[in-house]
């Protein structure tokens, strides 16, 4: 018995499926997906510190720009 011809979209589906499987493997290695509580907690806390630092750095840059602009007058 012969198999029907492969549809042309199958290679695209296979490529997307392979990319998704690679992403799942990366997520399984991540500390945010660890089964251990403290590993997850420290990973999330580190991300929160990084995001907070970026936000405060933006505020600091904005304050410096405002101070320089106001001091020039």
N, C-alpha and C. Protein backbone atom coordinates (compact mmCIF):
# COMPACT_ATOMS: atom_id res chain seq x y z
N UNK A 1 0.84 -1.17 0.00
CA UNK A 1 0.00 0.00 0.00
C UNK A 1 0.89 1.24 0.00
N UNK A 2 0.63 2.14 -0.93
CA UNK A 2 1.40 3.36 -1.04
C UNK A 2 0.80 4.45 -0.15
N UNK A 3 1.67 5.25 0.42
CA UNK A 3 1.22 6.37 1.23
C UNK A 3 0.85 7.54 0.33
N UNK A 4 -0.10 8.37 0.77
CA UNK A 4 -0.45 9.54 -0.04
C UNK A 4 0.72 10.53 -0.05
N UNK A 5 0.77 11.41 -1.03
CA UNK A 5 1.87 12.37 -1.09
C UNK A 5 1.85 13.31 0.12
N UNK A 6 3.02 13.73 0.52
CA UNK A 6 3.15 14.61 1.67
C UNK A 6 2.66 16.01 1.30
N UNK A 7 1.78 16.59 2.11
CA UNK A 7 1.33 17.95 1.82
C UNK A 7 2.51 18.93 1.92
N UNK A 8 2.42 20.04 1.19
CA UNK A 8 3.52 20.99 1.18
C UNK A 8 3.67 21.72 2.51
N UNK A 9 2.61 21.86 3.25
CA UNK A 9 2.67 22.57 4.53
C UNK A 9 3.27 21.75 5.66
N UNK A 10 3.50 20.48 5.44
CA UNK A 10 4.01 19.62 6.49
C UNK A 10 5.40 20.04 6.94
N UNK A 11 6.24 20.45 6.03
CA UNK A 11 7.60 20.86 6.42
C UNK A 11 7.54 22.10 7.30
N UNK A 12 6.63 23.00 7.02
CA UNK A 12 6.48 24.18 7.86
C UNK A 12 5.98 23.79 9.25
N UNK A 13 5.04 22.88 9.31
CA UNK A 13 4.52 22.42 10.60
C UNK A 13 5.63 21.71 11.38
N UNK A 14 6.40 20.89 10.68
CA UNK A 14 7.51 20.19 11.34
C UNK A 14 8.54 21.18 11.88
N UNK A 15 8.85 22.22 11.12
CA UNK A 15 9.82 23.22 11.56
C UNK A 15 9.29 23.97 12.78
N UNK A 16 8.02 24.33 12.77
CA UNK A 16 7.44 25.03 13.91
C UNK A 16 7.41 24.13 15.14
N UNK A 17 7.09 22.86 14.93
CA UNK A 17 7.06 21.91 16.03
C UNK A 17 8.45 21.71 16.62
N UNK A 18 9.46 21.64 15.77
CA UNK A 18 10.84 21.50 16.26
C UNK A 18 11.26 22.73 17.05
N UNK A 19 10.88 23.92 16.59
CA UNK A 19 11.20 25.16 17.31
C UNK A 19 10.50 25.19 18.67
N UNK A 20 9.26 24.75 18.71
CA UNK A 20 8.51 24.71 19.97
C UNK A 20 9.13 23.72 20.94
N UNK A 21 9.53 22.57 20.45
CA UNK A 21 10.18 21.58 21.31
C UNK A 21 11.50 22.11 21.86
N UNK A 22 12.23 22.87 21.07
CA UNK A 22 13.49 23.47 21.54
C UNK A 22 13.21 24.49 22.64
N UNK A 23 12.16 25.27 22.48
CA UNK A 23 11.79 26.24 23.51
C UNK A 23 11.39 25.55 24.80
N UNK A 24 10.67 24.45 24.70
CA UNK A 24 10.26 23.71 25.89
C UNK A 24 11.49 23.15 26.62
N UNK A 25 12.46 22.64 25.84
CA UNK A 25 13.69 22.13 26.46
C UNK A 25 14.45 23.24 27.19
N UNK A 26 14.50 24.44 26.59
CA UNK A 26 15.16 25.57 27.25
C UNK A 26 14.43 25.96 28.52
N UNK A 27 13.11 25.91 28.50
CA UNK A 27 12.33 26.26 29.68
C UNK A 27 12.54 25.25 30.80
N UNK A 28 12.69 23.99 30.44
CA UNK A 28 12.91 22.97 31.46
C UNK A 28 14.25 23.16 32.15
N UNK A 29 15.22 23.75 31.48
CA UNK A 29 16.54 23.98 32.06
C UNK A 29 16.52 25.23 32.95
N UNK A 30 15.58 26.12 32.74
CA UNK A 30 15.51 27.39 33.45
C UNK A 30 15.26 27.20 34.94
N UNK A 31 15.85 28.05 35.75
CA UNK A 31 15.65 27.99 37.20
C UNK A 31 14.23 28.42 37.58
N UNK A 32 13.57 29.21 36.75
CA UNK A 32 12.21 29.63 37.08
C UNK A 32 11.21 28.49 36.96
N UNK A 33 11.62 27.40 36.34
CA UNK A 33 10.75 26.23 36.20
C UNK A 33 11.26 25.06 37.03
N UNK A 34 12.12 25.33 37.99
CA UNK A 34 12.71 24.28 38.81
C UNK A 34 11.68 23.71 39.78
N UNK A 35 11.77 22.43 40.08
CA UNK A 35 10.85 21.85 41.07
C UNK A 35 11.21 22.27 42.50
N UNK A 36 12.41 22.82 42.70
CA UNK A 36 12.83 23.24 44.03
C UNK A 36 12.35 24.66 44.31
N UNK A 37 11.74 24.86 45.46
CA UNK A 37 11.15 26.16 45.81
C UNK A 37 12.19 27.26 45.82
N UNK A 38 13.32 27.06 46.51
CA UNK A 38 14.30 28.13 46.67
C UNK A 38 14.97 28.50 45.35
N UNK A 39 15.15 27.56 44.47
CA UNK A 39 15.70 27.89 43.15
C UNK A 39 14.75 28.81 42.39
N UNK A 40 13.46 28.47 42.41
CA UNK A 40 12.46 29.33 41.75
C UNK A 40 12.40 30.68 42.41
N UNK A 41 12.39 30.71 43.74
CA UNK A 41 12.26 31.97 44.47
C UNK A 41 13.42 32.92 44.16
N UNK A 42 14.65 32.40 44.17
CA UNK A 42 15.80 33.26 43.90
C UNK A 42 15.84 33.71 42.44
N UNK A 43 15.40 32.85 41.53
CA UNK A 43 15.36 33.24 40.11
C UNK A 43 14.36 34.37 39.89
N UNK A 44 13.19 34.24 40.48
CA UNK A 44 12.17 35.29 40.33
C UNK A 44 12.62 36.57 41.01
N UNK A 45 13.20 36.46 42.20
CA UNK A 45 13.69 37.65 42.91
C UNK A 45 14.77 38.36 42.10
N UNK A 46 15.66 37.60 41.49
CA UNK A 46 16.70 38.20 40.65
C UNK A 46 16.11 38.94 39.47
N UNK A 47 15.10 38.36 38.84
CA UNK A 47 14.44 39.05 37.73
C UNK A 47 13.77 40.33 38.21
N UNK A 48 13.14 40.28 39.37
CA UNK A 48 12.49 41.48 39.90
C UNK A 48 13.50 42.57 40.21
N UNK A 49 14.64 42.21 40.79
CA UNK A 49 15.69 43.20 41.06
C UNK A 49 16.20 43.82 39.76
N UNK A 50 16.38 43.01 38.74
CA UNK A 50 16.88 43.52 37.46
C UNK A 50 15.89 44.50 36.84
N UNK A 51 14.63 44.14 36.83
CA UNK A 51 13.61 45.02 36.25
C UNK A 51 13.49 46.31 37.05
N UNK A 52 13.50 46.20 38.37
CA UNK A 52 13.44 47.39 39.22
C UNK A 52 14.65 48.28 38.97
N UNK A 53 15.82 47.70 38.84
CA UNK A 53 17.03 48.47 38.57
C UNK A 53 16.95 49.22 37.25
N UNK A 54 16.42 48.58 36.23
CA UNK A 54 16.28 49.23 34.93
C UNK A 54 15.30 50.40 35.03
N UNK A 55 14.20 50.21 35.74
CA UNK A 55 13.22 51.29 35.90
C UNK A 55 13.84 52.47 36.64
N UNK A 56 14.52 52.20 37.75
CA UNK A 56 15.14 53.28 38.51
C UNK A 56 16.26 53.96 37.73
N UNK A 57 16.98 53.21 36.92
CA UNK A 57 18.02 53.79 36.08
C UNK A 57 17.39 54.76 35.07
N UNK A 58 16.24 54.40 34.53
CA UNK A 58 15.52 55.31 33.63
C UNK A 58 15.09 56.57 34.34
N UNK A 59 14.57 56.44 35.57
CA UNK A 59 14.20 57.62 36.34
C UNK A 59 15.41 58.50 36.64
N UNK A 60 16.54 57.89 36.97
CA UNK A 60 17.76 58.64 37.26
C UNK A 60 18.23 59.39 36.02
N UNK A 61 18.20 58.74 34.87
CA UNK A 61 18.60 59.40 33.63
C UNK A 61 17.67 60.57 33.32
N UNK A 62 16.39 60.38 33.52
CA UNK A 62 15.42 61.46 33.29
C UNK A 62 15.67 62.62 34.26
N UNK A 63 15.95 62.33 35.53
CA UNK A 63 16.21 63.38 36.51
C UNK A 63 17.47 64.15 36.16
N UNK A 64 18.50 63.46 35.68
CA UNK A 64 19.74 64.13 35.30
C UNK A 64 19.50 65.04 34.10
N UNK A 65 18.73 64.55 33.12
CA UNK A 65 18.42 65.37 31.94
C UNK A 65 17.65 66.62 32.33
N UNK A 66 16.67 66.47 33.21
CA UNK A 66 15.89 67.60 33.68
C UNK A 66 16.76 68.58 34.46
N UNK A 67 17.64 68.07 35.30
CA UNK A 67 18.52 68.93 36.10
C UNK A 67 19.50 69.70 35.21
N UNK A 68 20.03 69.05 34.21
CA UNK A 68 20.96 69.73 33.29
C UNK A 68 20.22 70.78 32.47
N UNK A 69 19.03 70.46 32.03
CA UNK A 69 18.24 71.41 31.24
C UNK A 69 17.82 72.60 32.09
N UNK A 70 17.45 72.39 33.31
CA UNK A 70 17.02 73.49 34.19
C UNK A 70 18.22 74.31 34.66
N UNK A 71 19.37 73.69 34.82
CA UNK A 71 20.55 74.41 35.26
C UNK A 71 21.16 75.29 34.20
N UNK A 72 20.87 75.06 32.96
CA UNK A 72 21.43 75.84 31.85
C UNK A 72 20.73 77.16 31.66
N UNK A 73 19.60 77.38 32.28
CA UNK A 73 18.84 78.63 32.08
C UNK A 73 19.29 79.71 33.03
